[in-house]
Amino acid sequence: MHHNSESEVSANAPAKILRVPNKPKTPNRVIRVDDDLWRDYGEACEAEGTSKSDDLRAHMARKVRAYKRRQQRTVGDTDE
């Protein structure tokens, strides 16, 4: 196996690796999205002053709240 010396830099690696802050250290998730949709979504989020990640989290939170409200109504209907 060939090892690079300290003076060599890989063509695919940045000269300096920066640590990206991730508070509160949430895990990364992988989703499949068409390139055109992802680009346009990024433009729409930027125009609204938000990041794609923040917008997706907000959407997921709204969806979960709506789901839980529906579940509460269903449980409340069966209790009567």
PDB file of N, CA and C in Angstrom:
ATOM      1  N   MET A   1       0.852  -1.176   0.000  1.00  0.00           N
ATOM      2  CA  MET A   1       0.000   0.000   0.000  1.00  0.00           C
ATOM      3  C   MET A   1       0.893   1.233   0.000  1.00  0.00           C
ATOM      4  N   HIS A   2       0.583   2.206  -0.833  1.00  0.00           N
ATOM      5  CA  HIS A   2       1.370   3.426  -0.941  1.00  0.00           C
ATOM      6  C   HIS A   2       0.763   4.499  -0.033  1.00  0.00           C
ATOM      7  N   HIS A   3       1.581   5.104   0.776  1.00  0.00           N
ATOM      8  CA  HIS A   3       1.118   6.180   1.660  1.00  0.00           C
ATOM      9  C   HIS A   3       1.663   7.497   1.169  1.00  0.00           C
ATOM     10  N   ASN A   4       0.849   8.541   1.199  1.00  0.00           N
ATOM     11  CA  ASN A   4       1.309   9.873   0.835  1.00  0.00           C
ATOM     12  C   ASN A   4       2.206  10.426   1.921  1.00  0.00           C
ATOM     13  N   SER A   5       3.222  11.128   1.524  1.00  0.00           N
ATOM     14  CA  SER A   5       4.047  11.807   2.520  1.00  0.00           C
ATOM     15  C   SER A   5       3.290  13.035   2.986  1.00  0.00           C
ATOM     16  N   GLU A   6       3.778  13.654   4.045  1.00  0.00           N
ATOM     17  CA  GLU A   6       3.076  14.826   4.581  1.00  0.00           C
ATOM     18  C   GLU A   6       3.053  15.974   3.589  1.00  0.00           C
ATOM     19  N   SER A   7       4.029  16.022   2.676  1.00  0.00           N
ATOM     20  CA  SER A   7       4.080  17.125   1.721  1.00  0.00           C
ATOM     21  C   SER A   7       3.131  16.929   0.550  1.00  0.00           C
ATOM     22  N   GLU A   8       2.638  15.705   0.364  1.00  0.00           N
ATOM     23  CA  GLU A   8       1.701  15.445  -0.723  1.00  0.00           C
ATOM     24  C   GLU A   8       0.274  15.679  -0.249  1.00  0.00           C
ATOM     25  N   VAL A   9      -0.554  16.185  -1.143  1.00  0.00           N
ATOM     26  CA  VAL A   9      -1.959  16.425  -0.825  1.00  0.00           C
ATOM     27  C   VAL A   9      -2.801  15.684  -1.840  1.00  0.00           C
ATOM     28  N   SER A  10      -3.805  14.961  -1.369  1.00  0.00           N
ATOM     29  CA  SER A  10      -4.706  14.248  -2.266  1.00  0.00           C
ATOM     30  C   SER A  10      -5.484  15.249  -3.099  1.00  0.00           C
ATOM     31  N   ALA A  11      -5.718  14.908  -4.353  1.00  0.00           N
ATOM     32  CA  ALA A  11      -6.465  15.798  -5.246  1.00  0.00           C
ATOM     33  C   ALA A  11      -7.905  15.962  -4.790  1.00  0.00           C
ATOM     34  N   ASN A  12      -8.431  15.002  -4.038  1.00  0.00           N
ATOM     35  CA  ASN A  12      -9.825  15.059  -3.609  1.00  0.00           C
ATOM     36  C   ASN A  12     -10.002  15.592  -2.201  1.00  0.00           C
ATOM     37  N   ALA A  13      -8.914  15.883  -1.504  1.00  0.00           N
ATOM     38  CA  ALA A  13      -9.013  16.333  -0.121  1.00  0.00           C
ATOM     39  C   ALA A  13      -8.633  17.804  -0.019  1.00  0.00           C
ATOM     40  N   PRO A  14      -9.348  18.553   0.809  1.00  0.00           N
ATOM     41  CA  PRO A  14      -8.958  19.948   1.001  1.00  0.00           C
ATOM     42  C   PRO A  14      -7.635  20.020   1.750  1.00  0.00           C
ATOM     43  N   ALA A  15      -6.929  21.119   1.579  1.00  0.00           N
ATOM     44  CA  ALA A  15      -5.645  21.292   2.257  1.00  0.00           C
ATOM     45  C   ALA A  15      -5.833  21.298   3.770  1.00  0.00           C
ATOM     46  N   LYS A  16      -6.952  21.826   4.227  1.00  0.00           N
ATOM     47  CA  LYS A  16      -7.237  21.880   5.654  1.00  0.00           C
ATOM     48  C   LYS A  16      -8.674  21.430   5.868  1.00  0.00           C
ATOM     49  N   ILE A  17      -8.868  20.476   6.728  1.00  0.00           N
ATOM     50  CA  ILE A  17     -10.214  19.989   7.012  1.00  0.00           C
ATOM     51  C   ILE A  17     -10.769  20.779   8.181  1.00  0.00           C
ATOM     52  N   LEU A  18     -11.921  21.391   7.973  1.00  0.00           N
ATOM     53  CA  LEU A  18     -12.568  22.185   9.009  1.00  0.00           C
ATOM     54  C   LEU A  18     -13.679  21.378   9.641  1.00  0.00           C
ATOM     55  N   ARG A  19     -13.798  21.465  10.938  1.00  0.00           N
ATOM     56  CA  ARG A  19     -14.876  20.789  11.648  1.00  0.00           C
ATOM     57  C   ARG A  19     -16.138  21.620  11.525  1.00  0.00           C
ATOM     58  N   VAL A  20     -17.195  20.994  11.094  1.00  0.00           N
ATOM     59  CA  VAL A  20     -18.475  21.674  10.938  1.00  0.00           C
ATOM     60  C   VAL A  20     -19.219  21.585  12.256  1.00  0.00           C
ATOM     61  N   PRO A  21     -19.639  22.733  12.791  1.00  0.00           N
ATOM     62  CA  PRO A  21     -20.389  22.673  14.051  1.00  0.00           C
ATOM     63  C   PRO A  21     -21.711  21.952  13.845  1.00  0.00           C
ATOM     64  N   ASN A  22     -22.057  21.115  14.790  1.00  0.00           N
ATOM     65  CA  ASN A  22     -23.289  20.335  14.688  1.00  0.00           C
ATOM     66  C   ASN A  22     -23.895  20.250  16.076  1.00  0.00           C
ATOM     67  N   LYS A  23     -24.653  21.269  16.436  1.00  0.00           N
ATOM     68  CA  LYS A  23     -25.249  21.294  17.757  1.00  0.00           C
ATOM     69  C   LYS A  23     -26.733  21.077  17.603  1.00  0.00           C
ATOM     70  N   PRO A  24     -27.362  20.222  18.308  1.00  0.00           N
ATOM     71  CA  PRO A  24     -26.854  19.392  19.403  1.00  0.00           C
ATOM     72  C   PRO A  24     -26.359  18.025  18.951  1.00  0.00           C
ATOM     73  N   LYS A  25     -25.530  17.986  17.947  1.00  0.00           N
ATOM     74  CA  LYS A  25     -24.922  16.756  17.442  1.00  0.00           C
ATOM     75  C   LYS A  25     -25.967  15.741  16.977  1.00  0.00           C
ATOM     76  N   THR A  26     -26.826  16.194  16.119  1.00  0.00           N
ATOM     77  CA  THR A  26     -27.839  15.301  15.555  1.00  0.00           C
ATOM     78  C   THR A  26     -27.200  14.473  14.444  1.00  0.00           C
ATOM     79  N   PRO A  27     -27.666  13.254  14.247  1.00  0.00           N
ATOM     80  CA  PRO A  27     -27.086  12.421  13.182  1.00  0.00           C
ATOM     81  C   PRO A  27     -27.505  12.922  11.801  1.00  0.00           C
ATOM     82  N   ASN A  28     -26.647  12.689  10.825  1.00  0.00           N
ATOM     83  CA  ASN A  28     -26.979  13.015   9.439  1.00  0.00           C
ATOM     84  C   ASN A  28     -27.957  11.980   8.908  1.00  0.00           C
ATOM     85  N   ARG A  29     -28.822  12.402   8.005  1.00  0.00           N
ATOM     86  CA  ARG A  29     -29.777  11.509   7.344  1.00  0.00           C
ATOM     87  C   ARG A  29     -29.530  11.607   5.848  1.00  0.00           C
ATOM     88  N   VAL A  30     -29.771  10.541   5.148  1.00  0.00           N
ATOM     89  CA  VAL A  30     -29.576  10.528   3.701  1.00  0.00           C
ATOM     90  C   VAL A  30     -30.936  10.365   3.034  1.00  0.00           C
ATOM     91  N   ILE A  31     -31.209  11.238   2.065  1.00  0.00           N
ATOM     92  CA  ILE A  31     -32.435  11.112   1.279  1.00  0.00           C
ATOM     93  C   ILE A  31     -32.066  11.198  -0.200  1.00  0.00           C
ATOM     94  N   ARG A  32     -32.902  10.643  -1.032  1.00  0.00           N
ATOM     95  CA  ARG A  32     -32.686  10.722  -2.481  1.00  0.00           C
ATOM     96  C   ARG A  32     -33.615  11.800  -3.033  1.00  0.00           C
ATOM     97  N   VAL A  33     -33.008  12.765  -3.734  1.00  0.00           N
ATOM     98  CA  VAL A  33     -33.767  13.866  -4.315  1.00  0.00           C
ATOM     99  C   VAL A  33     -33.184  14.166  -5.692  1.00  0.00           C
ATOM    100  N   ASP A  34     -34.034  14.354  -6.675  1.00  0.00           N
ATOM    101  CA  ASP A  34     -33.616  14.731  -8.018  1.00  0.00           C
ATOM    102  C   ASP A  34     -32.759  16.004  -7.963  1.00  0.00           C
ATOM    103  N   ASP A  35     -31.708  16.072  -8.768  1.00  0.00           N
ATOM    104  CA  ASP A  35     -30.790  17.223  -8.755  1.00  0.00           C
ATOM    105  C   ASP A  35     -31.504  18.544  -9.019  1.00  0.00           C
ATOM    106  N   ASP A  36     -32.403  18.574  -9.994  1.00  0.00           N
ATOM    107  CA  ASP A  36     -33.107  19.824 -10.313  1.00  0.00           C
ATOM    108  C   ASP A  36     -33.983  20.272  -9.155  1.00  0.00           C
ATOM    109  N   LEU A  37     -34.694  19.332  -8.546  1.00  0.00           N
ATOM    110  CA  LEU A  37     -35.539  19.668  -7.406  1.00  0.00           C
ATOM    111  C   LEU A  37     -34.697  20.177  -6.247  1.00  0.00           C
ATOM    112  N   TRP A  38     -33.567  19.536  -5.965  1.00  0.00           N
ATOM    113  CA  TRP A  38     -32.690  19.942  -4.851  1.00  0.00           C
ATOM    114  C   TRP A  38     -32.142  21.351  -5.078  1.00  0.00           C
ATOM    115  N   ARG A  39     -31.739  21.648  -6.316  1.00  0.00           N
ATOM    116  CA  ARG A  39     -31.226  22.981  -6.653  1.00  0.00           C
ATOM    117  C   ARG A  39     -32.323  24.033  -6.477  1.00  0.00           C
ATOM    118  N   ASP A  40     -33.508  23.759  -7.042  1.00  0.00           N
ATOM    119  CA  ASP A  40     -34.607  24.713  -6.943  1.00  0.00           C
ATOM    120  C   ASP A  40     -35.061  24.890  -5.497  1.00  0.00           C
ATOM    121  N   TYR A  41     -35.066  23.812  -4.747  1.00  0.00           N
ATOM    122  CA  TYR A  41     -35.429  23.880  -3.326  1.00  0.00           C
ATOM    123  C   TYR A  41     -34.429  24.757  -2.574  1.00  0.00           C
ATOM    124  N   GLY A  42     -33.157  24.602  -2.871  1.00  0.00           N
ATOM    125  CA  GLY A  42     -32.132  25.436  -2.249  1.00  0.00           C
ATOM    126  C   GLY A  42     -32.337  26.907  -2.552  1.00  0.00           C
ATOM    127  N   GLU A  43     -32.682  27.209  -3.807  1.00  0.00           N
ATOM    128  CA  GLU A  43     -32.950  28.602  -4.190  1.00  0.00           C
ATOM    129  C   GLU A  43     -34.158  29.149  -3.440  1.00  0.00           C
ATOM    130  N   ALA A  44     -35.213  28.343  -3.323  1.00  0.00           N
ATOM    131  CA  ALA A  44     -36.421  28.783  -2.622  1.00  0.00           C
ATOM    132  C   ALA A  44     -36.125  29.032  -1.143  1.00  0.00           C
ATOM    133  N   CYS A  45     -35.363  28.133  -0.533  1.00  0.00           N
ATOM    134  CA  CYS A  45     -35.025  28.314   0.885  1.00  0.00           C
ATOM    135  C   CYS A  45     -34.159  29.546   1.082  1.00  0.00           C
ATOM    136  N   GLU A  46     -33.179  29.734   0.191  1.00  0.00           N
ATOM    137  CA  GLU A  46     -32.302  30.901   0.293  1.00  0.00           C
ATOM    138  C   GLU A  46     -33.111  32.196   0.177  1.00  0.00           C
ATOM    139  N   ALA A  47     -34.086  32.209  -0.733  1.00  0.00           N
ATOM    140  CA  ALA A  47     -34.930  33.394  -0.914  1.00  0.00           C
ATOM    141  C   ALA A  47     -35.731  33.697   0.352  1.00  0.00           C
ATOM    142  N   GLU A  48     -36.041  32.652   1.116  1.00  0.00           N
ATOM    143  CA  GLU A  48     -36.788  32.826   2.372  1.00  0.00           C
ATOM    144  C   GLU A  48     -35.863  33.030   3.564  1.00  0.00           C
ATOM    145  N   GLY A  49     -34.559  32.980   3.327  1.00  0.00           N
ATOM    146  CA  GLY A  49     -33.605  33.210   4.406  1.00  0.00           C
ATOM    147  C   GLY A  49     -33.453  32.030   5.348  1.00  0.00           C
ATOM    148  N   THR A  50     -33.659  30.830   4.851  1.00  0.00           N
ATOM    149  CA  THR A  50     -33.526  29.640   5.691  1.00  0.00           C
ATOM    150  C   THR A  50     -32.654  28.616   4.979  1.00  0.00           C
ATOM    151  N   SER A  51     -32.204  27.642   5.710  1.00  0.00           N
ATOM    152  CA  SER A  51     -31.427  26.560   5.103  1.00  0.00           C
ATOM    153  C   SER A  51     -32.369  25.413   4.740  1.00  0.00           C
ATOM    154  N   LYS A  52     -31.914  24.560   3.850  1.00  0.00           N
ATOM    155  CA  LYS A  52     -32.718  23.388   3.495  1.00  0.00           C
ATOM    156  C   LYS A  52     -32.953  22.530   4.726  1.00  0.00           C
ATOM    157  N   SER A  53     -31.921  22.362   5.546  1.00  0.00           N
ATOM    158  CA  SER A  53     -32.064  21.534   6.750  1.00  0.00           C
ATOM    159  C   SER A  53     -33.098  22.106   7.704  1.00  0.00           C
ATOM    160  N   ASP A  54     -33.021  23.414   7.960  1.00  0.00           N
ATOM    161  CA  ASP A  54     -33.992  24.038   8.870  1.00  0.00           C
ATOM    162  C   ASP A  54     -35.405  23.925   8.315  1.00  0.00           C
ATOM    163  N   ASP A  55     -35.556  24.128   7.010  1.00  0.00           N
ATOM    164  CA  ASP A  55     -36.872  24.051   6.402  1.00  0.00           C
ATOM    165  C   ASP A  55     -37.423  22.627   6.462  1.00  0.00           C
ATOM    166  N   LEU A  56     -36.579  21.645   6.193  1.00  0.00           N
ATOM    167  CA  LEU A  56     -37.026  20.248   6.275  1.00  0.00           C
ATOM    168  C   LEU A  56     -37.415  19.862   7.697  1.00  0.00           C
ATOM    169  N   ARG A  57     -36.628  20.308   8.688  1.00  0.00           N
ATOM    170  CA  ARG A  57     -36.984  20.010  10.086  1.00  0.00           C
ATOM    171  C   ARG A  57     -38.317  20.645  10.451  1.00  0.00           C
ATOM    172  N   ALA A  58     -38.547  21.879  10.009  1.00  0.00           N
ATOM    173  CA  ALA A  58     -39.810  22.562  10.306  1.00  0.00           C
ATOM    174  C   ALA A  58     -40.977  21.824   9.651  1.00  0.00           C
ATOM    175  N   HIS A  59     -40.789  21.387   8.420  1.00  0.00           N
ATOM    176  CA  HIS A  59     -41.840  20.625   7.731  1.00  0.00           C
ATOM    177  C   HIS A  59     -42.135  19.325   8.478  1.00  0.00           C
ATOM    178  N   MET A  60     -41.091  18.618   8.888  1.00  0.00           N
ATOM    179  CA  MET A  60     -41.293  17.352   9.601  1.00  0.00           C
ATOM    180  C   MET A  60     -42.003  17.585  10.930  1.00  0.00           C
ATOM    181  N   ALA A  61     -41.637  18.656  11.635  1.00  0.00           N
ATOM    182  CA  ALA A  61     -42.281  18.952  12.924  1.00  0.00           C
ATOM    183  C   ALA A  61     -43.768  19.233  12.729  1.00  0.00           C
ATOM    184  N   ARG A  62     -44.120  20.013  11.676  1.00  0.00           N
ATOM    185  CA  ARG A  62     -45.541  20.282  11.390  1.00  0.00           C
ATOM    186  C   ARG A  62     -46.281  18.993  11.077  1.00  0.00           C
ATOM    187  N   LYS A  63     -45.674  18.138  10.288  1.00  0.00           N
ATOM    188  CA  LYS A  63     -46.311  16.870   9.904  1.00  0.00           C
ATOM    189  C   LYS A  63     -46.546  15.991  11.127  1.00  0.00           C
ATOM    190  N   VAL A  64     -45.565  15.912  12.019  1.00  0.00           N
ATOM    191  CA  VAL A  64     -45.695  15.096  13.232  1.00  0.00           C
ATOM    192  C   VAL A  64     -46.774  15.669  14.151  1.00  0.00           C
ATOM    193  N   ARG A  65     -46.814  17.006  14.315  1.00  0.00           N
ATOM    194  CA  ARG A  65     -47.861  17.617  15.157  1.00  0.00           C
ATOM    195  C   ARG A  65     -49.250  17.303  14.603  1.00  0.00           C
ATOM    196  N   ALA A  66     -49.418  17.419  13.284  1.00  0.00           N
ATOM    197  CA  ALA A  66     -50.715  17.127  12.668  1.00  0.00           C
ATOM    198  C   ALA A  66     -51.079  15.654  12.862  1.00  0.00           C
ATOM    199  N   TYR A  67     -50.113  14.786  12.701  1.00  0.00           N
ATOM    200  CA  TYR A  67     -50.345  13.352  12.905  1.00  0.00           C
ATOM    201  C   TYR A  67     -50.788  13.071  14.341  1.00  0.00           C
ATOM    202  N   LYS A  68     -50.099  13.685  15.291  1.00  0.00           N
ATOM    203  CA  LYS A  68     -50.440  13.457  16.703  1.00  0.00           C
ATOM    204  C   LYS A  68     -51.816  14.015  17.041  1.00  0.00           C
ATOM    205  N   ARG A  69     -52.186  15.157  16.433  1.00  0.00           N
ATOM    206  CA  ARG A  69     -53.545  15.697  16.658  1.00  0.00           C
ATOM    207  C   ARG A  69     -54.590  14.730  16.124  1.00  0.00           C
ATOM    208  N   ARG A  70     -54.328  14.169  14.942  1.00  0.00           N
ATOM    209  CA  ARG A  70     -55.278  13.187  14.383  1.00  0.00           C
ATOM    210  C   ARG A  70     -55.371  11.958  15.281  1.00  0.00           C
ATOM    211  N   GLN A  71     -54.249  11.512  15.810  1.00  0.00           N
ATOM    212  CA  GLN A  71     -54.242  10.350  16.706  1.00  0.00           C
ATOM    213  C   GLN A  71     -55.031  10.646  17.980  1.00  0.00           C
ATOM    214  N   GLN A  72     -54.873  11.844  18.526  1.00  0.00           N
ATOM    215  CA  GLN A  72     -55.599  12.226  19.739  1.00  0.00           C
ATOM    216  C   GLN A  72     -57.104  12.241  19.485  1.00  0.00           C
ATOM    217  N   ARG A  73     -57.508  12.759  18.331  1.00  0.00           N
ATOM    218  CA  ARG A  73     -58.937  12.779  17.990  1.00  0.00           C
ATOM    219  C   ARG A  73     -59.469  11.361  17.846  1.00  0.00           C
ATOM    220  N   THR A  74     -58.678  10.478  17.256  1.00  0.00           N
ATOM    221  CA  THR A  74     -59.104   9.087  17.071  1.00  0.00           C
ATOM    222  C   THR A  74     -59.232   8.401  18.430  1.00  0.00           C
ATOM    223  N   VAL A  75     -58.278   8.614  19.312  1.00  0.00           N
ATOM    224  CA  VAL A  75     -58.337   8.024  20.655  1.00  0.00           C
ATOM    225  C   VAL A  75     -59.512   8.624  21.421  1.00  0.00           C
ATOM    226  N   GLY A  76     -59.726   9.936  21.288  1.00  0.00           N
ATOM    227  CA  GLY A  76     -60.839  10.575  21.975  1.00  0.00           C
ATOM    228  C   GLY A  76     -62.190  10.073  21.485  1.00  0.00           C
ATOM    229  N   ASP A  77     -62.299   9.754  20.200  1.00  0.00           N
ATOM    230  CA  ASP A  77     -63.559   9.235  19.640  1.00  0.00           C
ATOM    231  C   ASP A  77     -63.885   7.850  20.182  1.00  0.00           C
ATOM    232  N   THR A  78     -62.871   7.031  20.446  1.00  0.00           N
ATOM    233  CA  THR A  78     -63.122   5.659  20.903  1.00  0.00           C
ATOM    234  C   THR A  78     -63.369   5.611  22.399  1.00  0.00           C
ATOM    235  N   ASP A  79     -63.012   6.658  23.132  1.00  0.00           N
ATOM    236  CA  ASP A  79     -63.223   6.679  24.594  1.00  0.00           C
ATOM    237  C   ASP A  79     -64.671   6.953  24.966  1.00  0.00           C
ATOM    238  N   GLU A  80     -65.442   7.495  24.075  1.00  0.00           N
ATOM    239  CA  GLU A  80     -66.811   7.895  24.421  1.00  0.00           C
ATOM    240  C   GLU A  80     -67.760   6.765  24.452  1.00  0.00           C
TER     241      GLU A  80
END
